[in-house]
Structure formats: C-alpha cells, structure tokens
Amino acid sequence: MGRGFAAALSSRHEVVFGSRDPGRAQRVVRFTGATGTASPAEAAADADVVILAVPWRAMEETLARLGDVSGPVVVDISVPYESDRVALGRRSSAEFVQKRLPRARVVKGWNHVHALHLTAPEVDGVAASVLLAGDDPQAKQIVGALARDMGFHPVDVGRLRESYHLDRLVSMMLFVKLGPFRVLSAPP
C-alpha cells in the first residue's frame, strides 16, 4: 500500500517514507518517485499528512515510533484481521489509533481499496469512491483533496466512530469479491 500511495501522490506531493529499514525503503523511493526516507519520527515531524501504511499487527510498534503527531493529519488505512477485530470490540482500528495518538487528527480511509487500485482507481471510466471517516472536518477535507489528487471520489461517511463499519465492510467485500465501487452521492 505504501508503494501505491507513493506512486499515486509523488508527482504532486512530497512523499517521504518513514521506515525501520532505510535500505529497503530506498529501493521503493527509486521505484515510486518519492522524495526520500527517514525514521518514522522524522518523517512524521515534517509531514502535513501521515499515512499509516503498515500491517495491523505492526500498528502498535509503529505508533510508538512516531513521536509527537499533534500537527499532521494521520490516515489509518489498516485492515485488522478477524481475531484482532474481536480484541478491538466495538472500536475500529482508527479509534484505536486515535486513543494512542490523542492529539492527532485521525481519518480512516482506503481500507476497502486494494493496493493495485491506488494508481488506477477508475472503473469503466468512473472514479472509484474512497470512504472517509473522522471527527475533524478540516482533516477530512485535506484527505479528500489527496483522494481527488489520486483520482478517487472521496465520500465522507461521518465521524470516526463510523469507521467501525468500514473495518467490517472489508470482510463483506472479500466475501463477495467486490472490487472498486462508486458511491452515488451529491457533490459537496
């Protein structure tokens, strides 16, 4: 997912990979056109937006490495496994991230999008939708603008607590083998 975001955004935005493995990340930087690599804390410190493109099982460790993220918008794209969702209870992964980073402006999005569609989000010439949830309207606007820059149609589905349903949606999408889709919505 990180490669897909970098490839989709690097022509219009400065993209820096925060990584525990700078050598591996440097290869991805060359492949995607990203700007460079840094430690997770260094990358987050200078960022306007932090996209958490890590497997759910690495989330706790990644959040601990970020340092102070009171400035940037933090986007949770994670997909917890079924056993992890049971441990989360009625909270979403994004609510977990918000609890761990209480001063961050967390937005949930892209968890229902497969990596291969990050750089090709159109279906039959129509932009696929990306569903966004968060408590900060300005943060959702920023993330919505990134979605449009990538070629997606952003859809605001409500507050962060609604991201619980986005986590559950992924299971249903996998069950019915649903690919990218377009939500019919009125323009903002």
N, C-alpha and C. Protein backbone atom coordinates (compact mmCIF):
# COMPACT_ATOMS: atom_id res chain seq x y z
N MET A 1 0.83 -1.19 0.00
CA MET A 1 0.00 0.00 0.00
C MET A 1 0.87 1.25 0.00
N GLY A 2 1.97 1.22 0.77
CA GLY A 2 2.85 2.38 0.80
C GLY A 2 3.40 2.72 -0.58
N ARG A 3 3.79 1.70 -1.32
CA ARG A 3 4.29 1.92 -2.69
C ARG A 3 3.21 2.55 -3.56
N GLY A 4 1.99 2.04 -3.44
CA GLY A 4 0.89 2.57 -4.24
C GLY A 4 0.59 4.02 -3.93
N PHE A 5 0.56 4.37 -2.64
CA PHE A 5 0.33 5.77 -2.26
C PHE A 5 1.46 6.65 -2.79
N ALA A 6 2.70 6.19 -2.63
CA ALA A 6 3.83 7.00 -3.11
C ALA A 6 3.77 7.20 -4.62
N ALA A 7 3.49 6.14 -5.35
CA ALA A 7 3.42 6.25 -6.80
C ALA A 7 2.27 7.17 -7.22
N ALA A 8 1.15 7.10 -6.52
CA ALA A 8 -0.02 7.91 -6.87
C ALA A 8 0.14 9.37 -6.49
N LEU A 9 0.91 9.67 -5.45
CA LEU A 9 1.00 11.03 -4.94
C LEU A 9 2.29 11.77 -5.26
N SER A 10 3.36 11.07 -5.57
CA SER A 10 4.68 11.72 -5.66
C SER A 10 4.80 12.72 -6.80
N SER A 11 3.97 12.66 -7.81
CA SER A 11 4.05 13.66 -8.88
C SER A 11 3.49 15.01 -8.45
N ARG A 12 2.66 15.03 -7.40
CA ARG A 12 2.02 16.28 -6.96
C ARG A 12 2.38 16.67 -5.53
N HIS A 13 2.98 15.73 -4.78
CA HIS A 13 3.27 15.96 -3.37
C HIS A 13 4.65 15.41 -3.02
N GLU A 14 5.24 15.97 -1.98
CA GLU A 14 6.49 15.43 -1.46
C GLU A 14 6.15 14.23 -0.59
N VAL A 15 6.68 13.07 -0.94
CA VAL A 15 6.41 11.83 -0.22
C VAL A 15 7.70 11.33 0.39
N VAL A 16 7.70 11.15 1.71
CA VAL A 16 8.85 10.63 2.44
C VAL A 16 8.42 9.37 3.16
N PHE A 17 9.17 8.30 2.99
CA PHE A 17 8.89 7.05 3.68
C PHE A 17 9.52 7.06 5.05
N GLY A 18 8.72 6.81 6.07
CA GLY A 18 9.23 6.57 7.41
C GLY A 18 9.40 5.07 7.54
N SER A 19 10.63 4.63 7.77
CA SER A 19 10.88 3.19 7.74
C SER A 19 11.90 2.75 8.76
N ARG A 20 11.71 1.52 9.26
CA ARG A 20 12.71 0.91 10.13
C ARG A 20 13.86 0.35 9.30
N ASP A 21 13.63 0.16 8.00
CA ASP A 21 14.62 -0.44 7.10
C ASP A 21 14.92 0.52 5.96
N PRO A 22 15.83 1.49 6.17
CA PRO A 22 16.08 2.51 5.15
C PRO A 22 16.56 1.95 3.81
N GLY A 23 17.33 0.86 3.82
CA GLY A 23 17.80 0.28 2.55
C GLY A 23 16.64 -0.20 1.69
N ARG A 24 15.73 -0.93 2.31
CA ARG A 24 14.57 -1.42 1.57
C ARG A 24 13.69 -0.25 1.13
N ALA A 25 13.50 0.70 2.01
CA ALA A 25 12.68 1.87 1.67
C ALA A 25 13.32 2.67 0.54
N GLN A 26 14.62 2.74 0.48
CA GLN A 26 15.30 3.49 -0.58
C GLN A 26 15.02 2.89 -1.96
N ARG A 27 14.93 1.58 -2.03
CA ARG A 27 14.57 0.93 -3.30
C ARG A 27 13.16 1.32 -3.71
N VAL A 28 12.26 1.40 -2.75
CA VAL A 28 10.89 1.80 -3.04
C VAL A 28 10.84 3.26 -3.48
N VAL A 29 11.66 4.10 -2.87
CA VAL A 29 11.73 5.51 -3.23
C VAL A 29 12.11 5.65 -4.70
N ARG A 30 13.13 4.93 -5.13
CA ARG A 30 13.57 5.00 -6.54
C ARG A 30 12.46 4.52 -7.47
N PHE A 31 11.74 3.49 -7.07
CA PHE A 31 10.69 2.91 -7.90
C PHE A 31 9.47 3.83 -8.03
N THR A 32 9.14 4.56 -6.98
CA THR A 32 7.89 5.33 -6.94
C THR A 32 8.04 6.81 -7.23
N GLY A 33 9.26 7.34 -7.17
CA GLY A 33 9.43 8.77 -7.35
C GLY A 33 9.27 9.56 -6.07
N ALA A 34 9.23 8.87 -4.94
CA ALA A 34 9.15 9.56 -3.65
C ALA A 34 10.42 10.37 -3.41
N THR A 35 10.37 11.25 -2.43
CA THR A 35 11.48 12.16 -2.15
C THR A 35 12.62 11.50 -1.41
N GLY A 36 12.31 10.66 -0.41
CA GLY A 36 13.38 10.05 0.37
C GLY A 36 12.84 9.21 1.50
N THR A 37 13.75 8.86 2.41
CA THR A 37 13.38 8.06 3.58
C THR A 37 13.87 8.77 4.84
N ALA A 38 13.26 8.38 5.93
CA ALA A 38 13.62 8.92 7.25
C ALA A 38 13.12 7.93 8.28
N SER A 39 13.48 8.16 9.52
CA SER A 39 12.89 7.34 10.58
C SER A 39 11.41 7.71 10.65
N PRO A 40 10.58 6.85 11.22
CA PRO A 40 9.17 7.21 11.33
C PRO A 40 8.95 8.55 12.05
N ALA A 41 9.68 8.80 13.13
CA ALA A 41 9.51 10.06 13.86
C ALA A 41 9.93 11.26 13.02
N GLU A 42 11.03 11.14 12.28
CA GLU A 42 11.49 12.24 11.43
C GLU A 42 10.51 12.51 10.30
N ALA A 43 10.03 11.46 9.68
CA ALA A 43 9.07 11.62 8.59
C ALA A 43 7.79 12.28 9.10
N ALA A 44 7.29 11.85 10.25
CA ALA A 44 6.05 12.40 10.80
C ALA A 44 6.22 13.84 11.26
N ALA A 45 7.41 14.17 11.79
CA ALA A 45 7.63 15.52 12.32
C ALA A 45 7.51 16.60 11.25
N ASP A 46 7.89 16.29 10.04
CA ASP A 46 7.86 17.27 8.96
C ASP A 46 6.65 17.13 8.04
N ALA A 47 5.73 16.23 8.37
CA ALA A 47 4.64 15.91 7.46
C ALA A 47 3.38 16.74 7.74
N ASP A 48 2.63 16.98 6.68
CA ASP A 48 1.28 17.53 6.81
C ASP A 48 0.29 16.39 7.00
N VAL A 49 0.59 15.25 6.36
CA VAL A 49 -0.26 14.07 6.44
C VAL A 49 0.64 12.86 6.64
N VAL A 50 0.27 11.99 7.58
CA VAL A 50 0.96 10.73 7.81
C VAL A 50 -0.01 9.62 7.43
N ILE A 51 0.38 8.79 6.48
CA ILE A 51 -0.45 7.66 6.07
C ILE A 51 0.16 6.41 6.69
N LEU A 52 -0.61 5.77 7.55
CA LEU A 52 -0.13 4.57 8.26
C LEU A 52 -0.31 3.35 7.36
N ALA A 53 0.63 3.15 6.46
CA ALA A 53 0.59 2.03 5.52
C ALA A 53 1.41 0.88 6.09
N VAL A 54 0.92 0.33 7.19
CA VAL A 54 1.60 -0.79 7.85
C VAL A 54 0.57 -1.87 8.15
N PRO A 55 1.00 -3.12 8.21
CA PRO A 55 0.05 -4.18 8.60
C PRO A 55 -0.46 -3.91 10.01
N TRP A 56 -1.71 -4.31 10.27
CA TRP A 56 -2.30 -4.06 11.57
C TRP A 56 -1.43 -4.58 12.70
N ARG A 57 -0.82 -5.72 12.51
CA ARG A 57 -0.03 -6.34 13.58
C ARG A 57 1.22 -5.51 13.92
N ALA A 58 1.60 -4.58 13.05
CA ALA A 58 2.75 -3.70 13.31
C ALA A 58 2.31 -2.32 13.78
N MET A 59 1.01 -2.11 13.94
CA MET A 59 0.49 -0.77 14.25
C MET A 59 0.99 -0.26 15.59
N GLU A 60 0.89 -1.05 16.64
CA GLU A 60 1.29 -0.59 17.98
C GLU A 60 2.74 -0.12 17.98
N GLU A 61 3.63 -0.93 17.40
CA GLU A 61 5.05 -0.57 17.34
C GLU A 61 5.26 0.68 16.50
N THR A 62 4.54 0.79 15.39
CA THR A 62 4.69 1.96 14.52
C THR A 62 4.24 3.23 15.24
N LEU A 63 3.11 3.18 15.90
CA LEU A 63 2.61 4.36 16.62
C LEU A 63 3.58 4.80 17.70
N ALA A 64 4.22 3.84 18.36
CA ALA A 64 5.20 4.17 19.40
C ALA A 64 6.42 4.88 18.82
N ARG A 65 6.75 4.62 17.56
CA ARG A 65 7.92 5.22 16.90
C ARG A 65 7.66 6.60 16.30
N LEU A 66 6.40 7.01 16.23
CA LEU A 66 6.08 8.26 15.54
C LEU A 66 6.45 9.52 16.31
N GLY A 67 6.46 9.46 17.61
CA GLY A 67 6.73 10.67 18.38
C GLY A 67 5.49 11.55 18.42
N ASP A 68 5.68 12.85 18.53
CA ASP A 68 4.58 13.81 18.63
C ASP A 68 3.94 14.02 17.26
N VAL A 69 2.69 13.66 17.15
CA VAL A 69 1.97 13.88 15.89
C VAL A 69 0.75 14.78 16.11
N SER A 70 0.99 15.88 16.82
CA SER A 70 -0.11 16.81 17.08
C SER A 70 -0.38 17.72 15.89
N GLY A 71 0.54 17.80 14.94
CA GLY A 71 0.34 18.67 13.78
C GLY A 71 -0.27 17.99 12.56
N PRO A 72 0.30 16.89 12.11
CA PRO A 72 -0.19 16.30 10.86
C PRO A 72 -1.52 15.56 11.02
N VAL A 73 -2.21 15.42 9.90
CA VAL A 73 -3.37 14.55 9.82
C VAL A 73 -2.83 13.13 9.72
N VAL A 74 -3.42 12.20 10.46
CA VAL A 74 -2.99 10.80 10.45
C VAL A 74 -4.08 9.98 9.79
N VAL A 75 -3.72 9.25 8.72
CA VAL A 75 -4.68 8.44 7.98
C VAL A 75 -4.45 6.97 8.30
N ASP A 76 -5.48 6.34 8.86
CA ASP A 76 -5.43 4.90 9.15
C ASP A 76 -6.04 4.16 7.97
N ILE A 77 -5.23 3.37 7.27
CA ILE A 77 -5.72 2.57 6.15
C ILE A 77 -5.72 1.08 6.51
N SER A 78 -5.49 0.77 7.76
CA SER A 78 -5.26 -0.62 8.17
C SER A 78 -6.53 -1.47 8.09
N VAL A 79 -6.28 -2.76 8.01
CA VAL A 79 -7.35 -3.76 7.99
C VAL A 79 -7.01 -4.80 9.05
N PRO A 80 -7.61 -4.69 10.23
CA PRO A 80 -7.34 -5.69 11.26
C PRO A 80 -7.91 -7.06 10.85
N TYR A 81 -7.17 -8.10 11.19
CA TYR A 81 -7.67 -9.46 10.98
C TYR A 81 -8.86 -9.70 11.88
N GLU A 82 -9.65 -10.72 11.56
CA GLU A 82 -10.84 -11.03 12.35
C GLU A 82 -10.52 -11.18 13.83
N SER A 83 -9.45 -11.90 14.15
CA SER A 83 -9.08 -12.08 15.56
C SER A 83 -8.72 -10.76 16.22
N ASP A 84 -8.13 -9.85 15.48
CA ASP A 84 -7.79 -8.53 16.02
C ASP A 84 -9.05 -7.69 16.22
N ARG A 85 -10.02 -7.83 15.31
CA ARG A 85 -11.27 -7.08 15.46
C ARG A 85 -12.01 -7.52 16.71
N VAL A 86 -11.92 -8.81 17.01
CA VAL A 86 -12.56 -9.30 18.24
C VAL A 86 -11.93 -8.60 19.45
N ALA A 87 -10.61 -8.47 19.45
CA ALA A 87 -9.91 -7.81 20.56
C ALA A 87 -10.27 -6.32 20.63
N LEU A 88 -10.56 -5.70 19.49
CA LEU A 88 -10.92 -4.28 19.47
C LEU A 88 -12.34 -4.05 20.00
N GLY A 89 -13.16 -5.10 20.01
CA GLY A 89 -14.54 -4.94 20.46
C GLY A 89 -15.33 -4.09 19.50
N ARG A 90 -16.05 -3.11 20.02
CA ARG A 90 -16.86 -2.22 19.18
C ARG A 90 -16.08 -0.99 18.73
N ARG A 91 -14.77 -1.02 18.91
CA ARG A 91 -13.93 0.09 18.42
C ARG A 91 -13.34 -0.29 17.07
N SER A 92 -13.09 0.70 16.27
CA SER A 92 -12.42 0.49 14.99
C SER A 92 -10.92 0.62 15.16
N SER A 93 -10.21 0.24 14.13
CA SER A 93 -8.76 0.43 14.16
C SER A 93 -8.42 1.92 14.26
N ALA A 94 -9.20 2.76 13.60
CA ALA A 94 -8.95 4.21 13.65
C ALA A 94 -9.19 4.78 15.05
N GLU A 95 -10.19 4.25 15.75
CA GLU A 95 -10.42 4.70 17.12
C GLU A 95 -9.26 4.25 18.02
N PHE A 96 -8.70 3.09 17.75
CA PHE A 96 -7.52 2.62 18.46
C PHE A 96 -6.36 3.58 18.22
N VAL A 97 -6.14 3.95 16.96
CA VAL A 97 -5.07 4.90 16.62
C VAL A 97 -5.30 6.23 17.32
N GLN A 98 -6.54 6.71 17.31
CA GLN A 98 -6.86 7.99 17.96
C GLN A 98 -6.57 7.93 19.45
N LYS A 99 -6.89 6.81 20.08
CA LYS A 99 -6.62 6.66 21.52
C LYS A 99 -5.12 6.68 21.79
N ARG A 100 -4.33 6.05 20.93
CA ARG A 100 -2.87 6.02 21.11
C ARG A 100 -2.21 7.35 20.77
N LEU A 101 -2.85 8.12 19.87
CA LEU A 101 -2.34 9.43 19.45
C LEU A 101 -3.42 10.48 19.72
N PRO A 102 -3.67 10.79 20.99
CA PRO A 102 -4.83 11.62 21.34
C PRO A 102 -4.82 13.03 20.75
N ARG A 103 -3.66 13.56 20.41
CA ARG A 103 -3.61 14.92 19.85
C ARG A 103 -3.62 14.93 18.32
N ALA A 104 -3.63 13.76 17.72
CA ALA A 104 -3.64 13.66 16.25
C ALA A 104 -5.05 13.86 15.71
N ARG A 105 -5.13 14.26 14.45
CA ARG A 105 -6.41 14.38 13.74
C ARG A 105 -6.50 13.15 12.83
N VAL A 106 -7.16 12.11 13.32
CA VAL A 106 -7.18 10.81 12.64
C VAL A 106 -8.36 10.73 11.67
N VAL A 107 -8.07 10.22 10.48
CA VAL A 107 -9.09 9.96 9.46
C VAL A 107 -8.90 8.52 9.01
N LYS A 108 -10.01 7.79 8.90
CA LYS A 108 -9.99 6.43 8.36
C LYS A 108 -10.30 6.51 6.88
N GLY A 109 -9.56 5.76 6.08
CA GLY A 109 -9.84 5.72 4.65
C GLY A 109 -9.00 4.68 3.94
N TRP A 110 -9.41 4.33 2.76
CA TRP A 110 -8.71 3.42 1.86
C TRP A 110 -8.61 1.98 2.36
N ASN A 111 -9.14 1.65 3.52
CA ASN A 111 -9.00 0.28 3.99
C ASN A 111 -9.78 -0.69 3.10
N HIS A 112 -10.74 -0.21 2.35
CA HIS A 112 -11.52 -1.06 1.46
C HIS A 112 -10.98 -1.07 0.03
N VAL A 113 -9.84 -0.41 -0.20
CA VAL A 113 -9.26 -0.31 -1.54
C VAL A 113 -8.06 -1.25 -1.63
N HIS A 114 -8.04 -2.07 -2.66
CA HIS A 114 -6.90 -2.96 -2.88
C HIS A 114 -5.72 -2.14 -3.42
N ALA A 115 -4.51 -2.55 -3.07
CA ALA A 115 -3.30 -1.81 -3.44
C ALA A 115 -3.21 -1.55 -4.94
N LEU A 116 -3.58 -2.51 -5.76
CA LEU A 116 -3.43 -2.33 -7.20
C LEU A 116 -4.32 -1.22 -7.74
N HIS A 117 -5.35 -0.82 -7.00
CA HIS A 117 -6.23 0.25 -7.46
C HIS A 117 -5.80 1.64 -7.00
N LEU A 118 -4.74 1.72 -6.20
CA LEU A 118 -4.29 3.04 -5.73
C LEU A 118 -3.79 3.90 -6.89
N THR A 119 -3.20 3.28 -7.88
CA THR A 119 -2.69 4.04 -9.03
C THR A 119 -3.61 3.96 -10.24
N ALA A 120 -4.68 3.20 -10.14
CA ALA A 120 -5.65 3.07 -11.22
C ALA A 120 -7.05 2.96 -10.61
N PRO A 121 -7.57 4.07 -10.04
CA PRO A 121 -8.82 3.99 -9.30
C PRO A 121 -10.10 4.08 -10.13
N GLU A 122 -9.97 4.04 -11.45
CA GLU A 122 -11.17 4.15 -12.28
C GLU A 122 -11.72 2.78 -12.65
N VAL A 123 -13.03 2.70 -12.72
CA VAL A 123 -13.72 1.51 -13.19
C VAL A 123 -14.63 1.95 -14.33
N ASP A 124 -14.37 1.44 -15.51
CA ASP A 124 -15.16 1.83 -16.69
C ASP A 124 -15.23 3.34 -16.86
N GLY A 125 -14.11 4.01 -16.61
CA GLY A 125 -14.02 5.45 -16.80
C GLY A 125 -14.61 6.30 -15.67
N VAL A 126 -15.04 5.66 -14.59
CA VAL A 126 -15.62 6.38 -13.46
C VAL A 126 -14.71 6.21 -12.24
N ALA A 127 -14.40 7.31 -11.57
CA ALA A 127 -13.53 7.26 -10.40
C ALA A 127 -14.17 6.43 -9.29
N ALA A 128 -13.42 5.49 -8.74
CA ALA A 128 -13.89 4.70 -7.61
C ALA A 128 -13.96 5.59 -6.37
N SER A 129 -14.85 5.24 -5.47
CA SER A 129 -15.01 6.01 -4.24
C SER A 129 -14.02 5.55 -3.18
N VAL A 130 -13.61 6.49 -2.33
CA VAL A 130 -12.88 6.16 -1.12
C VAL A 130 -13.70 6.72 0.03
N LEU A 131 -14.00 5.85 1.00
CA LEU A 131 -14.84 6.21 2.13
C LEU A 131 -13.98 6.76 3.26
N LEU A 132 -14.35 7.93 3.78
CA LEU A 132 -13.55 8.62 4.79
C LEU A 132 -14.39 8.89 6.04
N ALA A 133 -13.82 8.61 7.20
CA ALA A 133 -14.48 8.90 8.48
C ALA A 133 -13.49 9.61 9.38
N GLY A 134 -13.98 10.59 10.13
CA GLY A 134 -13.12 11.31 11.06
C GLY A 134 -13.90 12.37 11.81
N ASP A 135 -13.34 12.84 12.90
CA ASP A 135 -14.01 13.83 13.74
C ASP A 135 -13.63 15.27 13.41
N ASP A 136 -12.57 15.46 12.63
CA ASP A 136 -12.09 16.80 12.31
C ASP A 136 -12.45 17.12 10.85
N PRO A 137 -13.42 18.03 10.63
CA PRO A 137 -13.85 18.33 9.26
C PRO A 137 -12.71 18.82 8.35
N GLN A 138 -11.80 19.63 8.89
CA GLN A 138 -10.68 20.13 8.08
C GLN A 138 -9.75 18.97 7.70
N ALA A 139 -9.51 18.04 8.61
CA ALA A 139 -8.66 16.89 8.31
C ALA A 139 -9.29 16.06 7.20
N LYS A 140 -10.60 15.88 7.25
CA LYS A 140 -11.28 15.11 6.19
C LYS A 140 -11.20 15.84 4.85
N GLN A 141 -11.25 17.17 4.87
CA GLN A 141 -11.11 17.93 3.62
C GLN A 141 -9.72 17.73 3.03
N ILE A 142 -8.71 17.74 3.88
CA ILE A 142 -7.33 17.54 3.43
C ILE A 142 -7.18 16.15 2.81
N VAL A 143 -7.69 15.14 3.50
CA VAL A 143 -7.59 13.77 3.00
C VAL A 143 -8.44 13.60 1.73
N GLY A 144 -9.59 14.25 1.69
CA GLY A 144 -10.42 14.22 0.49
C GLY A 144 -9.70 14.81 -0.71
N ALA A 145 -8.94 15.90 -0.49
CA ALA A 145 -8.16 16.50 -1.58
C ALA A 145 -7.08 15.54 -2.07
N LEU A 146 -6.43 14.82 -1.15
CA LEU A 146 -5.45 13.81 -1.56
C LEU A 146 -6.12 12.72 -2.39
N ALA A 147 -7.31 12.30 -1.96
CA ALA A 147 -8.05 11.27 -2.71
C ALA A 147 -8.32 11.75 -4.13
N ARG A 148 -8.76 12.99 -4.28
CA ARG A 148 -9.02 13.53 -5.62
C ARG A 148 -7.73 13.61 -6.43
N ASP A 149 -6.62 14.00 -5.78
CA ASP A 149 -5.33 14.05 -6.48
C ASP A 149 -4.93 12.67 -7.01
N MET A 150 -5.36 11.62 -6.32
CA MET A 150 -5.06 10.25 -6.74
C MET A 150 -6.05 9.73 -7.78
N GLY A 151 -7.14 10.47 -8.01
CA GLY A 151 -8.14 10.06 -8.97
C GLY A 151 -9.36 9.40 -8.36
N PHE A 152 -9.48 9.44 -7.03
CA PHE A 152 -10.63 8.85 -6.34
C PHE A 152 -11.75 9.87 -6.15
N HIS A 153 -12.91 9.37 -5.85
CA HIS A 153 -14.08 10.16 -5.49
C HIS A 153 -14.25 10.02 -3.97
N PRO A 154 -13.87 11.05 -3.18
CA PRO A 154 -13.98 10.93 -1.72
C PRO A 154 -15.43 11.05 -1.24
N VAL A 155 -15.79 10.20 -0.28
CA VAL A 155 -17.13 10.22 0.30
C VAL A 155 -16.97 10.28 1.81
N ASP A 156 -17.50 11.33 2.42
CA ASP A 156 -17.48 11.50 3.87
C ASP A 156 -18.60 10.65 4.46
N VAL A 157 -18.24 9.63 5.24
CA VAL A 157 -19.25 8.74 5.82
C VAL A 157 -19.53 9.06 7.28
N GLY A 158 -18.96 10.13 7.80
CA GLY A 158 -19.30 10.55 9.15
C GLY A 158 -18.13 10.61 10.11
N ARG A 159 -18.47 10.52 11.37
CA ARG A 159 -17.50 10.65 12.45
C ARG A 159 -16.60 9.42 12.54
N LEU A 160 -15.55 9.52 13.34
CA LEU A 160 -14.59 8.43 13.47
C LEU A 160 -15.24 7.15 13.98
N ARG A 161 -16.25 7.26 14.83
CA ARG A 161 -16.91 6.05 15.34
C ARG A 161 -17.54 5.24 14.21
N GLU A 162 -17.86 5.87 13.08
CA GLU A 162 -18.42 5.17 11.93
C GLU A 162 -17.38 4.29 11.24
N SER A 163 -16.11 4.52 11.54
CA SER A 163 -15.06 3.71 10.90
C SER A 163 -15.13 2.26 11.35
N TYR A 164 -15.82 1.98 12.45
CA TYR A 164 -16.06 0.60 12.86
C TYR A 164 -16.75 -0.16 11.71
N HIS A 165 -17.69 0.49 11.05
CA HIS A 165 -18.41 -0.13 9.94
C HIS A 165 -17.50 -0.29 8.72
N LEU A 166 -16.56 0.63 8.54
CA LEU A 166 -15.62 0.49 7.43
C LEU A 166 -14.72 -0.72 7.65
N ASP A 167 -14.29 -0.95 8.89
CA ASP A 167 -13.49 -2.14 9.19
C ASP A 167 -14.29 -3.40 8.84
N ARG A 168 -15.55 -3.43 9.19
CA ARG A 168 -16.40 -4.60 8.93
C ARG A 168 -16.73 -4.75 7.44
N LEU A 169 -16.80 -3.64 6.73
CA LEU A 169 -17.09 -3.67 5.30
C LEU A 169 -16.06 -4.50 4.54
N VAL A 170 -14.82 -4.43 4.95
CA VAL A 170 -13.77 -5.16 4.24
C VAL A 170 -14.05 -6.66 4.25
N SER A 171 -14.51 -7.20 5.35
CA SER A 171 -14.84 -8.62 5.41
C SER A 171 -15.92 -8.96 4.38
N MET A 172 -16.92 -8.13 4.29
CA MET A 172 -18.00 -8.37 3.33
C MET A 172 -17.49 -8.27 1.90
N MET A 173 -16.64 -7.28 1.64
CA MET A 173 -16.10 -7.11 0.29
C MET A 173 -15.29 -8.33 -0.13
N LEU A 174 -14.52 -8.88 0.79
CA LEU A 174 -13.74 -10.07 0.48
C LEU A 174 -14.65 -11.27 0.24
N PHE A 175 -15.73 -11.36 1.00
CA PHE A 175 -16.66 -12.47 0.88
C PHE A 175 -17.34 -12.46 -0.49
N VAL A 176 -17.76 -11.29 -0.96
CA VAL A 176 -18.46 -11.22 -2.25
C VAL A 176 -17.52 -10.88 -3.40
N LYS A 177 -16.22 -10.78 -3.10
CA LYS A 177 -15.21 -10.46 -4.10
C LYS A 177 -15.53 -9.16 -4.84
N LEU A 178 -15.93 -8.16 -4.05
CA LEU A 178 -16.27 -6.85 -4.59
C LEU A 178 -14.99 -6.05 -4.81
N GLY A 179 -14.84 -5.51 -5.99
CA GLY A 179 -13.69 -4.68 -6.32
C GLY A 179 -14.02 -3.21 -6.05
N PRO A 180 -13.37 -2.30 -6.76
CA PRO A 180 -13.63 -0.88 -6.56
C PRO A 180 -15.09 -0.55 -6.89
N PHE A 181 -15.65 0.43 -6.19
CA PHE A 181 -17.03 0.80 -6.41
C PHE A 181 -17.18 2.30 -6.34
N ARG A 182 -18.31 2.79 -6.83
CA ARG A 182 -18.62 4.22 -6.81
C ARG A 182 -19.88 4.42 -5.98
N VAL A 183 -19.78 5.28 -4.98
CA VAL A 183 -20.93 5.63 -4.15
C VAL A 183 -21.66 6.77 -4.84
N LEU A 184 -22.93 6.61 -5.01
CA LEU A 184 -23.73 7.68 -5.61
C LEU A 184 -24.01 8.71 -4.52
N SER A 185 -23.46 9.90 -4.69
CA SER A 185 -23.64 10.93 -3.68
C SER A 185 -23.70 12.29 -4.36
N ALA A 186 -24.35 13.20 -3.67
CA ALA A 186 -24.42 14.56 -4.19
C ALA A 186 -23.06 15.23 -4.04
N PRO A 187 -22.69 16.11 -4.96
CA PRO A 187 -21.42 16.81 -4.82
C PRO A 187 -21.42 17.64 -3.54
N PRO A 188 -20.23 17.84 -2.93
CA PRO A 188 -20.15 18.60 -1.67
C PRO A 188 -20.57 20.04 -1.84
